[in-house]
N, C-alpha and C. Protein backbone atom coordinates (compact mmCIF):
# COMPACT_ATOMS: atom_id res chain seq x y z
N MET A 1 140.25 -20.04 21.93
CA MET A 1 140.17 -19.73 23.37
C MET A 1 141.02 -18.51 23.67
N ARG A 2 140.48 -17.62 24.48
CA ARG A 2 141.23 -16.42 24.86
C ARG A 2 142.43 -16.78 25.70
N LYS A 3 143.45 -15.94 25.63
CA LYS A 3 144.62 -16.14 26.48
C LYS A 3 144.25 -15.84 27.92
N LEU A 4 144.50 -16.77 28.79
CA LEU A 4 144.16 -16.61 30.20
C LEU A 4 145.07 -15.59 30.85
N PRO A 5 144.49 -14.51 31.41
CA PRO A 5 145.34 -13.50 32.04
C PRO A 5 145.91 -13.99 33.34
N ASN A 6 147.00 -13.37 33.73
CA ASN A 6 147.56 -13.66 35.04
C ASN A 6 146.70 -12.96 36.07
N GLU A 7 145.90 -13.71 36.82
CA GLU A 7 144.85 -13.13 37.65
C GLU A 7 145.37 -12.15 38.67
N THR A 8 146.19 -12.58 39.59
CA THR A 8 146.71 -11.68 40.62
C THR A 8 148.11 -12.12 41.01
N PRO A 9 149.13 -11.66 40.26
CA PRO A 9 150.50 -12.06 40.59
C PRO A 9 150.79 -11.73 42.04
N SER A 10 151.32 -12.70 42.77
CA SER A 10 151.52 -12.52 44.20
C SER A 10 152.87 -11.89 44.52
N LYS A 11 153.76 -11.83 43.53
CA LYS A 11 155.08 -11.26 43.79
C LYS A 11 155.48 -10.38 42.62
N PRO A 12 156.31 -9.39 42.86
CA PRO A 12 156.79 -8.57 41.77
C PRO A 12 157.55 -9.41 40.76
N LEU A 13 157.58 -8.98 39.50
CA LEU A 13 158.16 -9.79 38.45
C LEU A 13 159.69 -9.74 38.47
N ASP A 14 160.27 -8.71 39.06
CA ASP A 14 161.73 -8.60 39.11
C ASP A 14 162.26 -9.37 40.32
N ARG A 15 163.42 -9.98 40.14
CA ARG A 15 164.03 -10.75 41.21
C ARG A 15 164.49 -9.81 42.33
N VAL A 16 164.20 -10.19 43.55
CA VAL A 16 164.60 -9.36 44.69
C VAL A 16 165.39 -10.21 45.67
N PRO A 17 166.30 -9.58 46.43
CA PRO A 17 167.12 -10.35 47.38
C PRO A 17 166.31 -10.80 48.58
N ASP A 18 166.80 -11.84 49.26
CA ASP A 18 166.18 -12.29 50.50
C ASP A 18 166.73 -11.50 51.68
N ARG A 19 165.87 -11.33 52.68
CA ARG A 19 166.27 -10.69 53.94
C ARG A 19 165.74 -11.56 55.08
N LYS A 20 166.35 -11.41 56.24
CA LYS A 20 165.94 -12.19 57.40
C LYS A 20 165.14 -11.32 58.36
N CYS A 21 163.99 -11.83 58.78
CA CYS A 21 163.18 -11.13 59.78
C CYS A 21 163.89 -11.20 61.12
N ILE A 22 164.07 -10.06 61.78
CA ILE A 22 164.81 -10.05 63.04
C ILE A 22 164.03 -10.68 64.18
N LEU A 23 162.71 -10.84 64.01
CA LEU A 23 161.90 -11.42 65.09
C LEU A 23 161.72 -12.93 64.95
N THR A 24 161.62 -13.42 63.72
CA THR A 24 161.40 -14.86 63.51
C THR A 24 162.66 -15.59 63.08
N GLY A 25 163.62 -14.86 62.53
CA GLY A 25 164.83 -15.49 62.01
C GLY A 25 164.63 -16.13 60.65
N GLU A 26 163.43 -16.00 60.08
CA GLU A 26 163.14 -16.60 58.79
C GLU A 26 163.49 -15.65 57.65
N SER A 27 163.98 -16.22 56.55
CA SER A 27 164.33 -15.41 55.38
C SER A 27 163.20 -15.40 54.38
N HIS A 28 162.96 -14.24 53.80
CA HIS A 28 161.92 -14.06 52.80
C HIS A 28 162.43 -13.07 51.76
N PRO A 29 161.81 -13.05 50.58
CA PRO A 29 162.16 -12.00 49.62
C PRO A 29 161.97 -10.62 50.25
N GLN A 30 162.87 -9.72 49.97
CA GLN A 30 162.81 -8.39 50.58
C GLN A 30 161.46 -7.72 50.36
N SER A 31 160.84 -7.98 49.21
CA SER A 31 159.57 -7.34 48.88
C SER A 31 158.44 -7.76 49.80
N GLU A 32 158.62 -8.88 50.54
CA GLU A 32 157.57 -9.35 51.44
C GLU A 32 157.76 -8.84 52.87
N LEU A 33 158.88 -8.20 53.13
CA LEU A 33 159.19 -7.71 54.47
C LEU A 33 159.08 -6.19 54.53
N VAL A 34 159.17 -5.66 55.72
CA VAL A 34 159.14 -4.22 55.92
C VAL A 34 160.41 -3.80 56.65
N ARG A 35 161.01 -2.73 56.19
CA ARG A 35 162.25 -2.23 56.77
C ARG A 35 161.96 -1.24 57.90
N LEU A 36 162.69 -1.40 58.99
CA LEU A 36 162.69 -0.43 60.07
C LEU A 36 164.03 0.29 60.02
N ALA A 37 163.99 1.60 60.02
CA ALA A 37 165.22 2.39 59.93
C ALA A 37 165.52 3.06 61.26
N MET A 38 166.79 3.24 61.55
CA MET A 38 167.21 3.94 62.76
C MET A 38 167.82 5.28 62.38
N GLY A 39 167.26 6.35 62.95
CA GLY A 39 167.79 7.67 62.67
C GLY A 39 169.04 7.97 63.47
N PRO A 40 169.69 9.09 63.21
CA PRO A 40 170.92 9.46 63.92
C PRO A 40 170.73 9.56 65.43
N ASP A 41 169.49 9.87 65.86
CA ASP A 41 169.21 10.00 67.29
C ASP A 41 168.75 8.69 67.92
N GLY A 42 168.79 7.59 67.14
CA GLY A 42 168.37 6.29 67.65
C GLY A 42 166.89 6.03 67.51
N GLN A 43 166.16 6.97 66.93
CA GLN A 43 164.72 6.80 66.75
C GLN A 43 164.45 5.75 65.68
N ILE A 44 163.55 4.80 66.00
CA ILE A 44 163.17 3.76 65.06
C ILE A 44 161.89 4.19 64.35
N ALA A 45 161.88 4.04 63.03
CA ALA A 45 160.72 4.44 62.24
C ALA A 45 160.52 3.47 61.08
N PRO A 46 159.27 3.25 60.67
CA PRO A 46 159.03 2.41 59.51
C PRO A 46 159.60 3.04 58.25
N ASP A 47 160.18 2.20 57.42
CA ASP A 47 160.69 2.64 56.13
C ASP A 47 160.06 1.74 55.08
N VAL A 48 158.77 1.95 54.85
CA VAL A 48 157.98 1.05 54.02
C VAL A 48 158.52 0.93 52.61
N ARG A 49 159.04 2.02 52.08
CA ARG A 49 159.55 1.99 50.71
C ARG A 49 161.03 1.61 50.65
N ALA A 50 161.64 1.35 51.81
CA ALA A 50 163.03 0.91 51.90
C ALA A 50 163.98 1.86 51.18
N LYS A 51 163.78 3.16 51.40
CA LYS A 51 164.61 4.16 50.74
C LYS A 51 165.34 5.09 51.71
N ALA A 52 165.06 4.95 52.99
CA ALA A 52 165.69 5.84 53.96
C ALA A 52 167.18 5.55 54.07
N GLU A 53 167.97 6.60 54.27
CA GLU A 53 169.41 6.42 54.41
C GLU A 53 169.72 5.81 55.78
N GLY A 54 170.90 5.26 55.88
CA GLY A 54 171.33 4.70 57.16
C GLY A 54 171.02 3.23 57.29
N ARG A 55 171.15 2.75 58.51
CA ARG A 55 171.02 1.33 58.78
C ARG A 55 169.56 0.94 58.91
N GLY A 56 169.29 -0.33 58.60
CA GLY A 56 167.92 -0.82 58.66
C GLY A 56 167.86 -2.26 59.13
N ALA A 57 166.69 -2.65 59.57
CA ALA A 57 166.43 -4.04 59.97
C ALA A 57 165.07 -4.41 59.40
N TRP A 58 164.86 -5.71 59.19
CA TRP A 58 163.66 -6.15 58.47
C TRP A 58 162.76 -7.00 59.37
N ILE A 59 161.44 -6.80 59.21
CA ILE A 59 160.48 -7.62 59.94
C ILE A 59 159.43 -8.15 58.96
N GLY A 60 158.92 -9.34 59.29
CA GLY A 60 157.91 -9.97 58.43
C GLY A 60 156.78 -10.58 59.24
N VAL A 61 156.35 -9.86 60.27
CA VAL A 61 155.28 -10.37 61.15
C VAL A 61 154.05 -9.48 61.05
N ASP A 62 152.93 -9.98 61.56
CA ASP A 62 151.72 -9.18 61.53
C ASP A 62 151.68 -8.22 62.72
N ARG A 63 150.67 -7.38 62.73
CA ARG A 63 150.59 -6.34 63.75
C ARG A 63 150.49 -6.93 65.15
N THR A 64 149.68 -7.96 65.33
CA THR A 64 149.51 -8.56 66.65
C THR A 64 150.84 -9.07 67.19
N THR A 65 151.60 -9.74 66.33
CA THR A 65 152.90 -10.28 66.74
C THR A 65 153.88 -9.16 67.06
N LEU A 66 153.87 -8.11 66.24
CA LEU A 66 154.78 -6.99 66.48
C LEU A 66 154.47 -6.31 67.81
N GLU A 67 153.20 -6.08 68.09
CA GLU A 67 152.82 -5.41 69.33
C GLU A 67 153.18 -6.26 70.54
N ALA A 68 153.00 -7.57 70.42
CA ALA A 68 153.37 -8.46 71.53
C ALA A 68 154.87 -8.45 71.75
N ALA A 69 155.64 -8.47 70.66
CA ALA A 69 157.10 -8.45 70.76
C ALA A 69 157.59 -7.14 71.37
N GLN A 70 156.92 -6.05 71.04
CA GLN A 70 157.30 -4.76 71.60
C GLN A 70 156.97 -4.70 73.09
N ALA A 71 155.80 -5.21 73.47
CA ALA A 71 155.39 -5.17 74.87
C ALA A 71 156.30 -6.02 75.75
N LYS A 72 156.81 -7.12 75.21
CA LYS A 72 157.65 -8.03 75.98
C LYS A 72 159.14 -7.66 75.92
N GLY A 73 159.47 -6.64 75.16
CA GLY A 73 160.87 -6.24 75.04
C GLY A 73 161.64 -7.01 74.00
N GLN A 74 160.96 -7.94 73.32
CA GLN A 74 161.65 -8.76 72.32
C GLN A 74 162.06 -7.93 71.10
N LEU A 75 161.22 -6.97 70.74
CA LEU A 75 161.54 -6.14 69.58
C LEU A 75 162.79 -5.30 69.84
N LYS A 76 162.86 -4.72 71.04
CA LYS A 76 164.03 -3.91 71.36
C LYS A 76 165.29 -4.75 71.36
N GLY A 77 165.20 -5.96 71.89
CA GLY A 77 166.36 -6.84 71.89
C GLY A 77 166.80 -7.20 70.49
N ALA A 78 165.82 -7.51 69.63
CA ALA A 78 166.14 -7.87 68.25
C ALA A 78 166.76 -6.69 67.50
N LEU A 79 166.23 -5.50 67.73
CA LEU A 79 166.78 -4.32 67.08
C LEU A 79 168.17 -3.99 67.61
N ALA A 80 168.37 -4.18 68.91
CA ALA A 80 169.68 -3.93 69.51
C ALA A 80 170.74 -4.83 68.89
N ARG A 81 170.38 -6.08 68.65
CA ARG A 81 171.31 -7.01 68.03
C ARG A 81 171.56 -6.63 66.57
N ALA A 82 170.49 -6.22 65.88
CA ALA A 82 170.62 -5.88 64.46
C ALA A 82 171.47 -4.64 64.26
N PHE A 83 171.26 -3.64 65.13
CA PHE A 83 171.98 -2.38 64.99
C PHE A 83 173.24 -2.30 65.85
N LYS A 84 173.42 -3.35 66.67
CA LYS A 84 174.60 -3.42 67.54
C LYS A 84 174.69 -2.23 68.49
N THR A 85 173.55 -1.85 69.01
CA THR A 85 173.49 -0.78 70.01
C THR A 85 172.18 -0.88 70.78
N GLY A 86 172.26 -0.53 72.06
CA GLY A 86 171.05 -0.53 72.87
C GLY A 86 170.44 0.85 72.99
N GLN A 87 171.07 1.84 72.35
CA GLN A 87 170.58 3.21 72.39
C GLN A 87 169.49 3.40 71.33
N LEU A 88 168.33 2.83 71.63
CA LEU A 88 167.23 2.84 70.68
C LEU A 88 166.03 3.55 71.28
N ILE A 89 165.27 4.20 70.43
CA ILE A 89 164.00 4.80 70.85
C ILE A 89 162.91 4.23 69.95
N ILE A 90 162.08 3.39 70.53
CA ILE A 90 161.00 2.77 69.76
C ILE A 90 159.69 3.47 70.12
N PRO A 91 159.04 4.14 69.20
CA PRO A 91 157.80 4.85 69.53
C PRO A 91 156.70 3.87 69.94
N ASP A 92 155.88 4.31 70.90
CA ASP A 92 154.80 3.45 71.37
C ASP A 92 153.81 3.13 70.26
N ASP A 93 153.67 4.04 69.30
CA ASP A 93 152.70 3.84 68.21
C ASP A 93 153.36 3.31 66.94
N LEU A 94 154.44 2.55 67.11
CA LEU A 94 155.14 2.01 65.94
C LEU A 94 154.21 1.22 65.04
N ALA A 95 153.35 0.38 65.60
CA ALA A 95 152.44 -0.44 64.80
C ALA A 95 151.48 0.44 64.01
N ASP A 96 150.98 1.50 64.64
CA ASP A 96 150.09 2.43 63.94
C ASP A 96 150.81 3.08 62.77
N ARG A 97 152.04 3.51 63.02
CA ARG A 97 152.81 4.16 61.96
C ARG A 97 153.09 3.20 60.81
N LEU A 98 153.36 1.96 61.15
CA LEU A 98 153.66 0.97 60.13
C LEU A 98 152.42 0.67 59.30
N GLU A 99 151.29 0.49 59.96
CA GLU A 99 150.05 0.23 59.22
C GLU A 99 149.70 1.40 58.30
N THR A 100 149.83 2.62 58.83
CA THR A 100 149.54 3.80 58.01
C THR A 100 150.47 3.88 56.82
N GLY A 101 151.75 3.57 57.04
CA GLY A 101 152.72 3.60 55.95
C GLY A 101 152.42 2.59 54.87
N LEU A 102 152.03 1.38 55.26
CA LEU A 102 151.70 0.34 54.29
C LEU A 102 150.45 0.70 53.50
N GLN A 103 149.46 1.25 54.18
CA GLN A 103 148.24 1.68 53.49
C GLN A 103 148.56 2.79 52.49
N ARG A 104 149.32 3.78 52.94
CA ARG A 104 149.65 4.90 52.07
C ARG A 104 150.44 4.45 50.85
N ALA A 105 151.39 3.55 51.05
CA ALA A 105 152.20 3.08 49.93
C ALA A 105 151.34 2.33 48.91
N THR A 106 150.39 1.53 49.39
CA THR A 106 149.52 0.79 48.47
C THR A 106 148.61 1.72 47.70
N LEU A 107 147.99 2.67 48.39
CA LEU A 107 147.10 3.61 47.72
C LEU A 107 147.87 4.52 46.76
N ASP A 108 149.08 4.88 47.13
CA ASP A 108 149.92 5.67 46.22
C ASP A 108 150.23 4.88 44.96
N ARG A 109 150.47 3.58 45.13
CA ARG A 109 150.73 2.73 43.97
C ARG A 109 149.53 2.69 43.03
N LEU A 110 148.34 2.59 43.61
CA LEU A 110 147.12 2.61 42.79
C LEU A 110 147.01 3.94 42.05
N GLY A 111 147.34 5.03 42.73
CA GLY A 111 147.30 6.33 42.08
C GLY A 111 148.25 6.43 40.92
N LEU A 112 149.45 5.89 41.08
CA LEU A 112 150.43 5.90 40.00
C LEU A 112 149.95 5.09 38.80
N GLU A 113 149.34 3.94 39.08
CA GLU A 113 148.84 3.11 37.98
C GLU A 113 147.68 3.79 37.28
N ALA A 114 146.86 4.52 38.04
CA ALA A 114 145.76 5.26 37.42
C ALA A 114 146.30 6.31 36.46
N ARG A 115 147.34 7.02 36.89
CA ARG A 115 147.92 8.03 36.02
C ARG A 115 148.66 7.42 34.84
N GLY A 116 149.12 6.18 35.02
CA GLY A 116 149.82 5.49 33.94
C GLY A 116 148.90 4.81 32.94
N GLY A 117 147.60 4.82 33.22
CA GLY A 117 146.63 4.28 32.26
C GLY A 117 146.42 2.78 32.34
N THR A 118 146.92 2.13 33.39
CA THR A 118 146.74 0.68 33.52
C THR A 118 145.59 0.33 34.47
N LEU A 119 144.93 1.33 35.04
CA LEU A 119 143.89 1.12 36.04
C LEU A 119 142.56 1.68 35.54
N LEU A 120 141.52 0.87 35.69
CA LEU A 120 140.17 1.27 35.29
C LEU A 120 139.27 1.42 36.50
N THR A 121 138.40 2.41 36.47
CA THR A 121 137.33 2.53 37.46
C THR A 121 136.02 2.70 36.70
N GLY A 122 134.92 2.49 37.41
CA GLY A 122 133.62 2.56 36.75
C GLY A 122 133.19 1.17 36.32
N SER A 123 132.05 0.74 36.79
CA SER A 123 131.58 -0.63 36.55
C SER A 123 131.48 -0.96 35.07
N GLU A 124 130.98 -0.03 34.26
CA GLU A 124 130.80 -0.31 32.84
C GLU A 124 132.13 -0.54 32.13
N LYS A 125 133.10 0.32 32.41
CA LYS A 125 134.42 0.16 31.78
C LYS A 125 135.07 -1.15 32.20
N ILE A 126 134.96 -1.45 33.48
CA ILE A 126 135.58 -2.68 33.99
C ILE A 126 134.89 -3.90 33.39
N GLU A 127 133.57 -3.87 33.34
CA GLU A 127 132.84 -5.01 32.79
C GLU A 127 133.19 -5.23 31.32
N THR A 128 133.30 -4.16 30.54
CA THR A 128 133.66 -4.29 29.13
C THR A 128 135.03 -4.92 28.97
N ALA A 129 136.00 -4.41 29.74
CA ALA A 129 137.36 -4.97 29.67
C ALA A 129 137.37 -6.43 30.11
N ALA A 130 136.60 -6.74 31.14
CA ALA A 130 136.55 -8.11 31.65
C ALA A 130 135.99 -9.07 30.60
N ARG A 131 134.91 -8.68 29.97
CA ARG A 131 134.28 -9.55 28.97
C ARG A 131 135.12 -9.70 27.71
N GLN A 132 135.96 -8.71 27.44
CA GLN A 132 136.85 -8.79 26.28
C GLN A 132 138.13 -9.56 26.57
N GLY A 133 138.29 -9.99 27.82
CA GLY A 133 139.49 -10.74 28.19
C GLY A 133 140.69 -9.87 28.45
N ASP A 134 140.47 -8.57 28.69
CA ASP A 134 141.58 -7.64 28.88
C ASP A 134 141.90 -7.38 30.35
N LEU A 135 141.14 -7.95 31.25
CA LEU A 135 141.33 -7.67 32.67
C LEU A 135 142.30 -8.66 33.29
N VAL A 136 143.28 -8.14 34.02
CA VAL A 136 144.28 -8.97 34.67
C VAL A 136 144.00 -9.12 36.16
N MET A 137 143.47 -8.08 36.76
CA MET A 137 143.25 -8.07 38.21
C MET A 137 141.97 -7.29 38.49
N LEU A 138 141.19 -7.75 39.47
CA LEU A 138 139.93 -7.11 39.83
C LEU A 138 139.89 -6.94 41.34
N MET A 139 139.50 -5.73 41.78
CA MET A 139 139.44 -5.43 43.20
C MET A 139 138.15 -4.69 43.52
N HIS A 140 137.62 -4.92 44.74
CA HIS A 140 136.41 -4.27 45.20
C HIS A 140 136.67 -3.56 46.53
N ALA A 141 136.07 -2.39 46.70
CA ALA A 141 136.15 -1.69 47.97
C ALA A 141 135.50 -2.53 49.06
N SER A 142 135.90 -2.30 50.30
CA SER A 142 135.38 -3.11 51.41
C SER A 142 133.88 -2.94 51.59
N ASP A 143 133.33 -1.80 51.14
CA ASP A 143 131.89 -1.57 51.28
C ASP A 143 131.16 -1.67 49.95
N ALA A 144 131.78 -2.35 48.98
CA ALA A 144 131.12 -2.54 47.68
C ALA A 144 129.88 -3.41 47.84
N GLY A 145 128.84 -3.12 47.07
CA GLY A 145 127.64 -3.93 47.11
C GLY A 145 127.89 -5.33 46.57
N ARG A 146 127.25 -6.29 47.17
CA ARG A 146 127.48 -7.68 46.77
C ARG A 146 127.05 -7.93 45.33
N ASP A 147 125.91 -7.37 44.92
CA ASP A 147 125.42 -7.61 43.57
C ASP A 147 126.35 -7.02 42.52
N GLY A 148 126.83 -5.80 42.76
CA GLY A 148 127.74 -5.18 41.80
C GLY A 148 129.05 -5.93 41.68
N SER A 149 129.57 -6.39 42.80
CA SER A 149 130.82 -7.16 42.77
C SER A 149 130.62 -8.48 42.05
N ALA A 150 129.50 -9.15 42.32
CA ALA A 150 129.23 -10.44 41.71
C ALA A 150 129.09 -10.31 40.19
N LYS A 151 128.50 -9.21 39.74
CA LYS A 151 128.33 -9.00 38.30
C LYS A 151 129.68 -8.86 37.61
N LEU A 152 130.59 -8.11 38.21
CA LEU A 152 131.91 -7.95 37.62
C LEU A 152 132.73 -9.23 37.72
N ASP A 153 132.58 -9.94 38.83
CA ASP A 153 133.26 -11.24 38.97
C ASP A 153 132.85 -12.18 37.84
N GLN A 154 131.55 -12.21 37.56
CA GLN A 154 131.04 -13.08 36.50
C GLN A 154 131.58 -12.65 35.14
N ALA A 155 131.62 -11.35 34.88
CA ALA A 155 132.15 -10.86 33.61
C ALA A 155 133.61 -11.27 33.45
N TRP A 156 134.36 -11.23 34.54
CA TRP A 156 135.77 -11.62 34.50
C TRP A 156 135.92 -13.11 34.19
N ARG A 157 135.06 -13.91 34.79
CA ARG A 157 135.12 -15.35 34.52
C ARG A 157 134.79 -15.64 33.05
N VAL A 158 133.78 -14.96 32.53
CA VAL A 158 133.39 -15.16 31.14
C VAL A 158 134.52 -14.74 30.20
N GLY A 159 135.08 -13.56 30.43
CA GLY A 159 136.11 -13.05 29.54
C GLY A 159 137.41 -13.81 29.57
N SER A 160 137.66 -14.51 30.66
CA SER A 160 138.91 -15.28 30.77
C SER A 160 138.67 -16.78 30.62
N ASP A 161 137.49 -17.14 30.11
CA ASP A 161 137.14 -18.55 29.88
C ASP A 161 137.26 -19.39 31.15
N ARG A 162 136.74 -18.85 32.25
CA ARG A 162 136.78 -19.58 33.52
C ARG A 162 135.40 -19.68 34.14
N GLU A 163 134.39 -19.75 33.30
CA GLU A 163 133.05 -19.93 33.82
C GLU A 163 132.95 -21.26 34.57
N GLY A 164 132.25 -21.22 35.68
CA GLY A 164 132.14 -22.42 36.50
C GLY A 164 133.22 -22.52 37.55
N GLN A 165 134.26 -21.67 37.45
CA GLN A 165 135.31 -21.65 38.47
C GLN A 165 135.02 -20.56 39.50
N ASP A 166 135.56 -20.73 40.66
CA ASP A 166 135.31 -19.78 41.75
C ASP A 166 136.35 -18.66 41.71
N VAL A 167 136.29 -17.87 40.64
CA VAL A 167 137.22 -16.77 40.45
C VAL A 167 136.52 -15.47 40.81
N ARG A 168 137.08 -14.73 41.74
CA ARG A 168 136.47 -13.49 42.19
C ARG A 168 137.53 -12.42 42.41
N GLY A 169 137.09 -11.18 42.38
CA GLY A 169 137.99 -10.08 42.66
C GLY A 169 138.34 -10.01 44.14
N GLN A 170 139.46 -9.37 44.43
CA GLN A 170 139.89 -9.22 45.82
C GLN A 170 139.10 -8.12 46.51
N ILE A 171 138.79 -8.35 47.77
CA ILE A 171 138.16 -7.30 48.58
C ILE A 171 139.28 -6.53 49.28
N LEU A 172 139.33 -5.25 49.04
CA LEU A 172 140.38 -4.41 49.60
C LEU A 172 140.07 -4.01 51.04
N PRO A 173 141.09 -3.79 51.84
CA PRO A 173 140.87 -3.35 53.23
C PRO A 173 140.70 -1.83 53.31
N VAL A 174 139.95 -1.27 52.37
CA VAL A 174 139.69 0.17 52.35
C VAL A 174 138.34 0.38 51.67
N ASP A 175 137.59 1.36 52.13
CA ASP A 175 136.26 1.59 51.56
C ASP A 175 136.32 2.52 50.35
N ARG A 176 135.15 2.77 49.77
CA ARG A 176 135.10 3.57 48.54
C ARG A 176 135.58 5.00 48.75
N GLN A 177 135.35 5.54 49.93
CA GLN A 177 135.81 6.90 50.20
C GLN A 177 137.33 6.96 50.16
N GLY A 178 137.98 6.00 50.80
CA GLY A 178 139.44 5.96 50.79
C GLY A 178 140.01 5.79 49.39
N LEU A 179 139.38 4.94 48.58
CA LEU A 179 139.84 4.74 47.21
C LEU A 179 139.62 5.99 46.37
N SER A 180 138.49 6.65 46.57
CA SER A 180 138.18 7.85 45.81
C SER A 180 139.19 8.96 46.08
N VAL A 181 139.55 9.11 47.35
CA VAL A 181 140.54 10.13 47.72
C VAL A 181 141.90 9.78 47.12
N ALA A 182 142.27 8.52 47.22
CA ALA A 182 143.59 8.09 46.73
C ALA A 182 143.73 8.29 45.23
N LEU A 183 142.65 8.04 44.49
CA LEU A 183 142.72 8.11 43.03
C LEU A 183 142.28 9.46 42.49
N GLY A 184 141.74 10.33 43.35
CA GLY A 184 141.28 11.63 42.89
C GLY A 184 140.09 11.52 41.96
N ARG A 185 139.26 10.50 42.18
CA ARG A 185 138.07 10.29 41.36
C ARG A 185 136.87 10.12 42.28
N GLN A 186 135.70 10.27 41.72
CA GLN A 186 134.49 10.17 42.52
C GLN A 186 133.96 8.76 42.58
N ASN A 187 133.53 8.35 43.76
CA ASN A 187 132.82 7.08 43.98
C ASN A 187 133.54 5.88 43.35
N VAL A 188 134.77 5.66 43.75
CA VAL A 188 135.52 4.50 43.26
C VAL A 188 135.15 3.28 44.12
N VAL A 189 134.43 2.37 43.53
CA VAL A 189 133.96 1.18 44.24
C VAL A 189 134.70 -0.07 43.76
N HIS A 190 134.99 -0.11 42.47
CA HIS A 190 135.66 -1.27 41.87
C HIS A 190 136.87 -0.78 41.07
N ILE A 191 137.89 -1.60 41.01
CA ILE A 191 139.11 -1.27 40.27
C ILE A 191 139.50 -2.46 39.41
N GLY A 192 139.81 -2.19 38.16
CA GLY A 192 140.30 -3.22 37.25
C GLY A 192 141.69 -2.86 36.76
N ILE A 193 142.56 -3.85 36.65
CA ILE A 193 143.93 -3.65 36.16
C ILE A 193 144.08 -4.41 34.85
N THR A 194 144.63 -3.73 33.84
CA THR A 194 144.71 -4.32 32.50
C THR A 194 146.13 -4.69 32.08
N ASN A 195 147.08 -4.56 32.98
CA ASN A 195 148.48 -4.83 32.64
C ASN A 195 149.07 -5.77 33.68
N ALA A 196 149.74 -6.83 33.25
CA ALA A 196 150.25 -7.84 34.18
C ALA A 196 151.34 -7.30 35.09
N ARG A 197 152.22 -6.47 34.56
CA ARG A 197 153.29 -5.92 35.40
C ARG A 197 152.70 -4.96 36.44
N ALA A 198 151.72 -4.20 36.05
CA ALA A 198 151.05 -3.31 37.00
C ALA A 198 150.37 -4.13 38.09
N ALA A 199 149.74 -5.23 37.71
CA ALA A 199 149.09 -6.10 38.70
C ALA A 199 150.11 -6.67 39.67
N GLY A 200 151.29 -7.00 39.18
CA GLY A 200 152.34 -7.51 40.05
C GLY A 200 152.80 -6.47 41.05
N ARG A 201 152.96 -5.24 40.58
CA ARG A 201 153.39 -4.17 41.48
C ARG A 201 152.35 -3.92 42.58
N ILE A 202 151.10 -3.89 42.18
CA ILE A 202 150.02 -3.65 43.14
C ILE A 202 149.90 -4.81 44.12
N SER A 203 149.97 -6.03 43.60
CA SER A 203 149.78 -7.21 44.44
C SER A 203 150.80 -7.28 45.57
N HIS A 204 152.05 -6.99 45.26
CA HIS A 204 153.08 -7.12 46.29
C HIS A 204 152.89 -6.07 47.38
N MET A 205 152.48 -4.85 47.00
CA MET A 205 152.21 -3.82 48.00
C MET A 205 150.98 -4.18 48.83
N LEU A 206 149.95 -4.66 48.16
CA LEU A 206 148.70 -4.99 48.82
C LEU A 206 148.87 -6.16 49.79
N GLU A 207 149.62 -7.16 49.40
CA GLU A 207 149.80 -8.33 50.25
C GLU A 207 150.57 -8.00 51.52
N ARG A 208 151.56 -7.14 51.42
CA ARG A 208 152.30 -6.73 52.63
C ARG A 208 151.36 -6.03 53.61
N TRP A 209 150.54 -5.15 53.09
CA TRP A 209 149.60 -4.42 53.93
C TRP A 209 148.58 -5.37 54.57
N ARG A 210 148.01 -6.24 53.77
CA ARG A 210 146.99 -7.16 54.27
C ARG A 210 147.58 -8.14 55.27
N ARG A 211 148.78 -8.60 54.97
CA ARG A 211 149.42 -9.55 55.89
C ARG A 211 149.67 -8.90 57.25
N PHE A 212 150.09 -7.65 57.26
CA PHE A 212 150.40 -6.98 58.52
C PHE A 212 149.14 -6.75 59.35
N ILE A 213 148.06 -6.35 58.73
CA ILE A 213 146.84 -6.06 59.49
C ILE A 213 145.99 -7.29 59.74
N GLY A 214 146.41 -8.45 59.20
CA GLY A 214 145.65 -9.67 59.42
C GLY A 214 144.42 -9.79 58.55
N HIS A 215 144.41 -9.06 57.43
CA HIS A 215 143.29 -9.12 56.49
C HIS A 215 143.51 -10.30 55.57
N ASP A 216 142.53 -11.19 55.48
CA ASP A 216 142.66 -12.44 54.75
C ASP A 216 143.13 -12.20 53.33
N ILE A 217 144.23 -12.85 52.95
CA ILE A 217 144.79 -12.67 51.62
C ILE A 217 144.26 -13.68 50.63
N VAL A 218 144.03 -14.91 51.08
CA VAL A 218 143.71 -15.98 50.16
C VAL A 218 142.21 -16.16 49.97
N ASP A 219 141.48 -16.27 51.08
CA ASP A 219 140.07 -16.63 50.99
C ASP A 219 139.17 -15.40 50.99
N ASP A 220 139.19 -14.68 49.87
CA ASP A 220 138.30 -13.54 49.75
C ASP A 220 136.86 -13.99 49.68
N ASP A 221 136.62 -15.22 49.24
CA ASP A 221 135.25 -15.71 49.10
C ASP A 221 134.54 -15.71 50.44
N ALA A 222 135.25 -16.03 51.52
CA ALA A 222 134.63 -16.06 52.83
C ALA A 222 134.18 -14.67 53.23
N GLU A 223 134.97 -13.66 52.85
CA GLU A 223 134.59 -12.30 53.18
C GLU A 223 133.32 -11.91 52.41
N LYS A 224 133.21 -12.37 51.17
CA LYS A 224 132.05 -12.06 50.37
C LYS A 224 130.78 -12.62 50.99
N LYS A 225 130.89 -13.82 51.57
CA LYS A 225 129.70 -14.48 52.10
C LYS A 225 129.12 -13.76 53.31
N VAL A 226 129.99 -13.05 54.03
CA VAL A 226 129.48 -12.38 55.23
C VAL A 226 129.30 -10.89 55.00
N ALA A 227 129.60 -10.42 53.79
CA ALA A 227 129.50 -8.98 53.50
C ALA A 227 128.04 -8.55 53.47
């Protein structure tokens, strides 16, 4: 029997510290939250990669919750307590900036994996790797054809000895045009990952993005049925 690959690691493999969401008060691994940074002028901006200098605060809510908290003044209050100052400037389009940042970070990660040789595109290459048991993670563009996706899903099940199980690739919240631009390749509809650590890195970035925009993380099958 082939060694069963780690299908879609939901968290990065390295241990990360916990942080507390300033809006919910709940603690989560830092990798699951998003950092908001305050500039010298009090301007609040998303720090998706958590690399900006200066003070920061963490949030772990979806876009709808963030927008509601901002409209009600709850976000400003939470940030004022976190930064110990009321001299804050929160941009009206903070949610837009955050969503764009999460999308960009995820697509950049895919680009890095492509250059590192752990990412496959092209149905034939992905199908071959899947049937050989070399595929760790499978993803489809939001506008991927149902038949093409189903064929690769089946190849993945066969190659990982999971025939008869409801194992399918993830549907990404981006279409083929967006993937093609991000990877610098033509007509990227499906993506296969052949390395477990690479899959972990991608999964954690993807889940943060999907969680924020309210894109279903667990039940991709439901999305397939209505596609």
